[in-house]
Every structure is written in structure tokens, then in C-alpha cells.
């Protein structure tokens, strides 16, 4: 089962395409977390959040079960500029160090570039975001 890290932008329709595959980022999340910490930026999972429907879907896809008495937290939203900082610092490092993630560097860079595009557009429109996870 492949995981995907994807961007959710606050609101019904942000007015632009927010799709990013996110599978390379999910495959390399541990290495990217360590790299982000080394580079003194927020790791991607810092931006993770979900609404009640997403949590239910996440639990269903991941094989978990939600406790019927459990009250789920409200989704958290983050400023796009915060995510842009992480994305741009990671991109700059990987461009300067193309062997850092071995054969995964190029796929990760492609997805970081797509994240940068989405978060830049969200920032231009003053829209907040969070990261979500999906299993396929």
C-alpha cells in the first residue's frame, strides 16, 4: 500500500489546481524530517492535520477503527509562508546535494517543486493549508 502526502487548502475551491502526487515525499518522509531538522526548518508532519471526514477515511484506509466515543480535534490550518520556507530550504539543499537521497532525489525535487507552486498560490490568495495523508 503506497502512502501519499498531499496539500489541503482551506475553503471549498481555492481557484487553482492543488494536486501533488506526494508519494515520493511519503516514501522519504523520515529522511526529509531529519534533513529539515538539520536545516532548522519545520518537518512536513508538523503541518499535518485533518478534518473529521479525512480522519475517518484515514482510519478506514489504514485499517484502524475509530472509537465511537472519541471526539476528533478540529483541523489545524497553517500559513502558506510557513510551508514555503520548509519546501524552499529542502529544494535548495537537494539541488546543491543531488545525491543526498540517492535515486529518490529527483522524484522528491519534482514533488517539492509542485508543493512550492501550490503553496505560493495559496500565499498569494492568503489561504491557509495543511498536509494530509492518503493510502492507496
C-alpha atoms as a PDB file:
ATOM      1  CA  UNK A   1       0.000   0.000   0.000  1.00  0.00           C
ATOM      2  CA  UNK A   2       1.516   3.338  -1.066  1.00  0.00           C
ATOM      3  CA  UNK A   3       1.159   6.448   1.043  1.00  0.00           C
ATOM      4  CA  UNK A   4       0.828   9.956  -0.332  1.00  0.00           C
ATOM      5  CA  UNK A   5       1.355  13.320   1.389  1.00  0.00           C
ATOM      6  CA  UNK A   6      -0.925  15.921  -0.148  1.00  0.00           C
ATOM      7  CA  UNK A   7      -1.900  19.535   0.406  1.00  0.00           C
ATOM      8  CA  UNK A   8      -5.365  20.605   1.536  1.00  0.00           C
ATOM      9  CA  UNK A   9      -6.148  24.303   1.092  1.00  0.00           C
ATOM     10  CA  UNK A  10      -8.742  25.910   3.345  1.00  0.00           C
ATOM     11  CA  UNK A  11     -12.117  26.556   1.750  1.00  0.00           C
ATOM     12  CA  UNK A  12     -14.250  24.864  -0.863  1.00  0.00           C
ATOM     13  CA  UNK A  13     -12.391  25.880  -4.044  1.00  0.00           C
ATOM     14  CA  UNK A  14      -9.119  27.790  -3.936  1.00  0.00           C
ATOM     15  CA  UNK A  15      -9.395  28.646  -7.633  1.00  0.00           C
ATOM     16  CA  UNK A  16      -6.303  26.689  -8.706  1.00  0.00           C
ATOM     17  CA  UNK A  17      -5.131  23.090  -9.007  1.00  0.00           C
ATOM     18  CA  UNK A  18      -3.770  21.804  -5.692  1.00  0.00           C
ATOM     19  CA  UNK A  19      -2.961  18.246  -6.798  1.00  0.00           C
ATOM     20  CA  UNK A  20       0.501  16.922  -5.967  1.00  0.00           C
ATOM     21  CA  UNK A  21       1.137  13.168  -6.108  1.00  0.00           C
ATOM     22  CA  UNK A  22       3.136  13.192  -2.856  1.00  0.00           C
ATOM     23  CA  UNK A  23       4.236   9.553  -2.996  1.00  0.00           C
ATOM     24  CA  UNK A  24       7.970  10.333  -3.222  1.00  0.00           C
ATOM     25  CA  UNK A  25       7.635  12.699  -0.260  1.00  0.00           C
ATOM     26  CA  UNK A  26       5.818   9.992   1.721  1.00  0.00           C
ATOM     27  CA  UNK A  27       8.434   7.338   0.843  1.00  0.00           C
ATOM     28  CA  UNK A  28      11.200   9.655   2.014  1.00  0.00           C
ATOM     29  CA  UNK A  29       9.435  11.315   4.937  1.00  0.00           C
ATOM     30  CA  UNK A  30      11.879  10.000   7.564  1.00  0.00           C
ATOM     31  CA  UNK A  31      14.930  11.235   5.661  1.00  0.00           C
ATOM     32  CA  UNK A  32      13.228  14.559   4.901  1.00  0.00           C
ATOM     33  CA  UNK A  33      12.287  15.001   8.558  1.00  0.00           C
ATOM     34  CA  UNK A  34      15.904  14.515   9.633  1.00  0.00           C
ATOM     35  CA  UNK A  35      17.077  16.833   6.872  1.00  0.00           C
ATOM     36  CA  UNK A  36      14.534  19.533   7.837  1.00  0.00           C
ATOM     37  CA  UNK A  37      15.622  19.341  11.455  1.00  0.00           C
ATOM     38  CA  UNK A  38      19.287  19.605  10.410  1.00  0.00           C
ATOM     39  CA  UNK A  39      18.446  22.614   8.234  1.00  0.00           C
ATOM     40  CA  UNK A  40      16.407  24.141  11.094  1.00  0.00           C
ATOM     41  CA  UNK A  41      13.023  24.251   9.329  1.00  0.00           C
ATOM     42  CA  UNK A  42       9.745  22.599  10.276  1.00  0.00           C
ATOM     43  CA  UNK A  43       9.426  18.970   9.121  1.00  0.00           C
ATOM     44  CA  UNK A  44       6.439  18.265   6.888  1.00  0.00           C
ATOM     45  CA  UNK A  45       4.482  16.327   9.503  1.00  0.00           C
ATOM     46  CA  UNK A  46       4.467  19.484  11.633  1.00  0.00           C
ATOM     47  CA  UNK A  47       1.853  20.660   9.120  1.00  0.00           C
ATOM     48  CA  UNK A  48      -0.298  17.511   9.332  1.00  0.00           C
ATOM     49  CA  UNK A  49      -3.949  17.908  10.216  1.00  0.00           C
ATOM     50  CA  UNK A  50      -7.287  16.558   9.083  1.00  0.00           C
ATOM     51  CA  UNK A  51     -10.983  17.147   9.449  1.00  0.00           C
ATOM     52  CA  UNK A  52     -13.426  14.558  10.785  1.00  0.00           C
ATOM     53  CA  UNK A  53     -14.133  13.098   7.317  1.00  0.00           C
ATOM     54  CA  UNK A  54     -10.433  12.846   6.493  1.00  0.00           C
ATOM     55  CA  UNK A  55      -9.655  11.142   9.808  1.00  0.00           C
ATOM     56  CA  UNK A  56     -12.438   8.626   9.235  1.00  0.00           C
ATOM     57  CA  UNK A  57     -11.129   7.937   5.718  1.00  0.00           C
ATOM     58  CA  UNK A  58      -7.550   7.753   7.000  1.00  0.00           C
ATOM     59  CA  UNK A  59      -8.552   5.232   9.668  1.00  0.00           C
ATOM     60  CA  UNK A  60     -10.503   3.214   7.093  1.00  0.00           C
ATOM     61  CA  UNK A  61      -7.635   3.229   4.575  1.00  0.00           C
ATOM     62  CA  UNK A  62      -5.074   2.433   7.246  1.00  0.00           C
ATOM     63  CA  UNK A  63      -7.147  -0.389   8.703  1.00  0.00           C
ATOM     64  CA  UNK A  64      -7.771   1.337  12.033  1.00  0.00           C
ATOM     65  CA  UNK A  65     -11.058   1.784  13.810  1.00  0.00           C
ATOM     66  CA  UNK A  66     -12.379   4.948  15.383  1.00  0.00           C
ATOM     67  CA  UNK A  67     -13.633   4.643  18.936  1.00  0.00           C
ATOM     68  CA  UNK A  68     -17.330   5.632  18.788  1.00  0.00           C
ATOM     69  CA  UNK A  69     -16.934   7.852  21.874  1.00  0.00           C
ATOM     70  CA  UNK A  70     -13.841   9.597  20.524  1.00  0.00           C
ATOM     71  CA  UNK A  71     -14.118  13.316  19.807  1.00  0.00           C
ATOM     72  CA  UNK A  72     -11.791  14.264  16.977  1.00  0.00           C
ATOM     73  CA  UNK A  73      -9.832  17.504  17.108  1.00  0.00           C
ATOM     74  CA  UNK A  74     -10.721  20.362  14.815  1.00  0.00           C
ATOM     75  CA  UNK A  75      -8.433  20.692  11.791  1.00  0.00           C
ATOM     76  CA  UNK A  76      -5.426  22.961  12.160  1.00  0.00           C
ATOM     77  CA  UNK A  77      -4.537  25.396   9.403  1.00  0.00           C
ATOM     78  CA  UNK A  78      -1.119  26.869   8.703  1.00  0.00           C
ATOM     79  CA  UNK A  79       0.100  29.927   6.862  1.00  0.00           C
ATOM     80  CA  UNK A  80       1.342  29.035   3.386  1.00  0.00           C
ATOM     81  CA  UNK A  81       4.522  31.028   4.035  1.00  0.00           C
ATOM     82  CA  UNK A  82       5.471  28.557   6.805  1.00  0.00           C
ATOM     83  CA  UNK A  83       5.259  25.616   4.405  1.00  0.00           C
ATOM     84  CA  UNK A  84       7.039  27.564   1.673  1.00  0.00           C
ATOM     85  CA  UNK A  85      10.024  28.076   3.949  1.00  0.00           C
ATOM     86  CA  UNK A  86      10.386  24.320   4.524  1.00  0.00           C
ATOM     87  CA  UNK A  87       9.863  23.490   0.844  1.00  0.00           C
ATOM     88  CA  UNK A  88      12.343  26.069  -0.427  1.00  0.00           C
ATOM     89  CA  UNK A  89      15.074  25.186   2.083  1.00  0.00           C
ATOM     90  CA  UNK A  90      14.741  21.480   1.238  1.00  0.00           C
ATOM     91  CA  UNK A  91      14.737  22.233  -2.503  1.00  0.00           C
ATOM     92  CA  UNK A  92      17.847  24.407  -2.244  1.00  0.00           C
ATOM     93  CA  UNK A  93      19.675  21.718  -0.282  1.00  0.00           C
ATOM     94  CA  UNK A  94      18.720  18.910  -2.681  1.00  0.00           C
ATOM     95  CA  UNK A  95      19.665  20.965  -5.734  1.00  0.00           C
ATOM     96  CA  UNK A  96      23.067  21.629  -4.171  1.00  0.00           C
ATOM     97  CA  UNK A  97      23.385  17.982  -2.991  1.00  0.00           C
ATOM     98  CA  UNK A  98      21.754  15.871  -5.741  1.00  0.00           C
ATOM     99  CA  UNK A  99      22.943  12.564  -4.268  1.00  0.00           C
ATOM    100  CA  UNK A 100      21.547  13.250  -0.782  1.00  0.00           C
ATOM    101  CA  UNK A 101      18.568  10.934  -1.296  1.00  0.00           C
ATOM    102  CA  UNK A 102      20.161   8.686  -3.918  1.00  0.00           C
ATOM    103  CA  UNK A 103      17.814   7.771  -6.749  1.00  0.00           C
ATOM    104  CA  UNK A 104      14.930   9.401  -4.847  1.00  0.00           C
ATOM    105  CA  UNK A 105      16.368  12.932  -5.099  1.00  0.00           C
ATOM    106  CA  UNK A 106      14.810  13.752  -8.486  1.00  0.00           C
ATOM    107  CA  UNK A 107      11.287  12.446  -7.674  1.00  0.00           C
ATOM    108  CA  UNK A 108      11.375  14.303  -4.339  1.00  0.00           C
ATOM    109  CA  UNK A 109      12.555  17.509  -6.043  1.00  0.00           C
ATOM    110  CA  UNK A 110       9.710  17.263  -8.573  1.00  0.00           C
ATOM    111  CA  UNK A 111       7.150  16.982  -5.789  1.00  0.00           C
ATOM    112  CA  UNK A 112       8.776  19.767  -3.771  1.00  0.00           C
ATOM    113  CA  UNK A 113       8.547  21.987  -6.842  1.00  0.00           C
ATOM    114  CA  UNK A 114       4.825  21.147  -7.136  1.00  0.00           C
ATOM    115  CA  UNK A 115       4.352  21.887  -3.407  1.00  0.00           C
ATOM    116  CA  UNK A 116       6.129  25.215  -3.928  1.00  0.00           C
ATOM    117  CA  UNK A 117       3.711  26.107  -6.763  1.00  0.00           C
ATOM    118  CA  UNK A 118       0.617  25.263  -4.691  1.00  0.00           C
ATOM    119  CA  UNK A 119       1.827  26.981  -1.520  1.00  0.00           C
ATOM    120  CA  UNK A 120       2.945  30.082  -3.445  1.00  0.00           C
ATOM    121  CA  UNK A 121      -0.542  30.400  -4.973  1.00  0.00           C
ATOM    122  CA  UNK A 122      -2.132  29.842  -1.566  1.00  0.00           C
ATOM    123  CA  UNK A 123       0.093  32.557  -0.073  1.00  0.00           C
ATOM    124  CA  UNK A 124      -0.807  34.976  -2.878  1.00  0.00           C
ATOM    125  CA  UNK A 125      -4.506  34.448  -2.035  1.00  0.00           C
ATOM    126  CA  UNK A 126      -3.999  34.494   1.767  1.00  0.00           C
ATOM    127  CA  UNK A 127      -5.261  30.914   2.031  1.00  0.00           C
ATOM    128  CA  UNK A 128      -4.149  28.583   4.792  1.00  0.00           C
ATOM    129  CA  UNK A 129      -3.288  24.916   4.334  1.00  0.00           C
ATOM    130  CA  UNK A 130      -2.411  21.653   5.995  1.00  0.00           C
ATOM    131  CA  UNK A 131      -0.853  18.384   4.995  1.00  0.00           C
ATOM    132  CA  UNK A 132      -2.935  15.207   4.769  1.00  0.00           C
ATOM    133  CA  UNK A 133      -2.051  11.559   4.224  1.00  0.00           C
ATOM    134  CA  UNK A 134      -3.685   9.020   1.977  1.00  0.00           C
ATOM    135  CA  UNK A 135      -3.019   5.312   1.404  1.00  0.00           C
ATOM    136  CA  UNK A 136      -3.697   3.683  -1.959  1.00  0.00           C
END
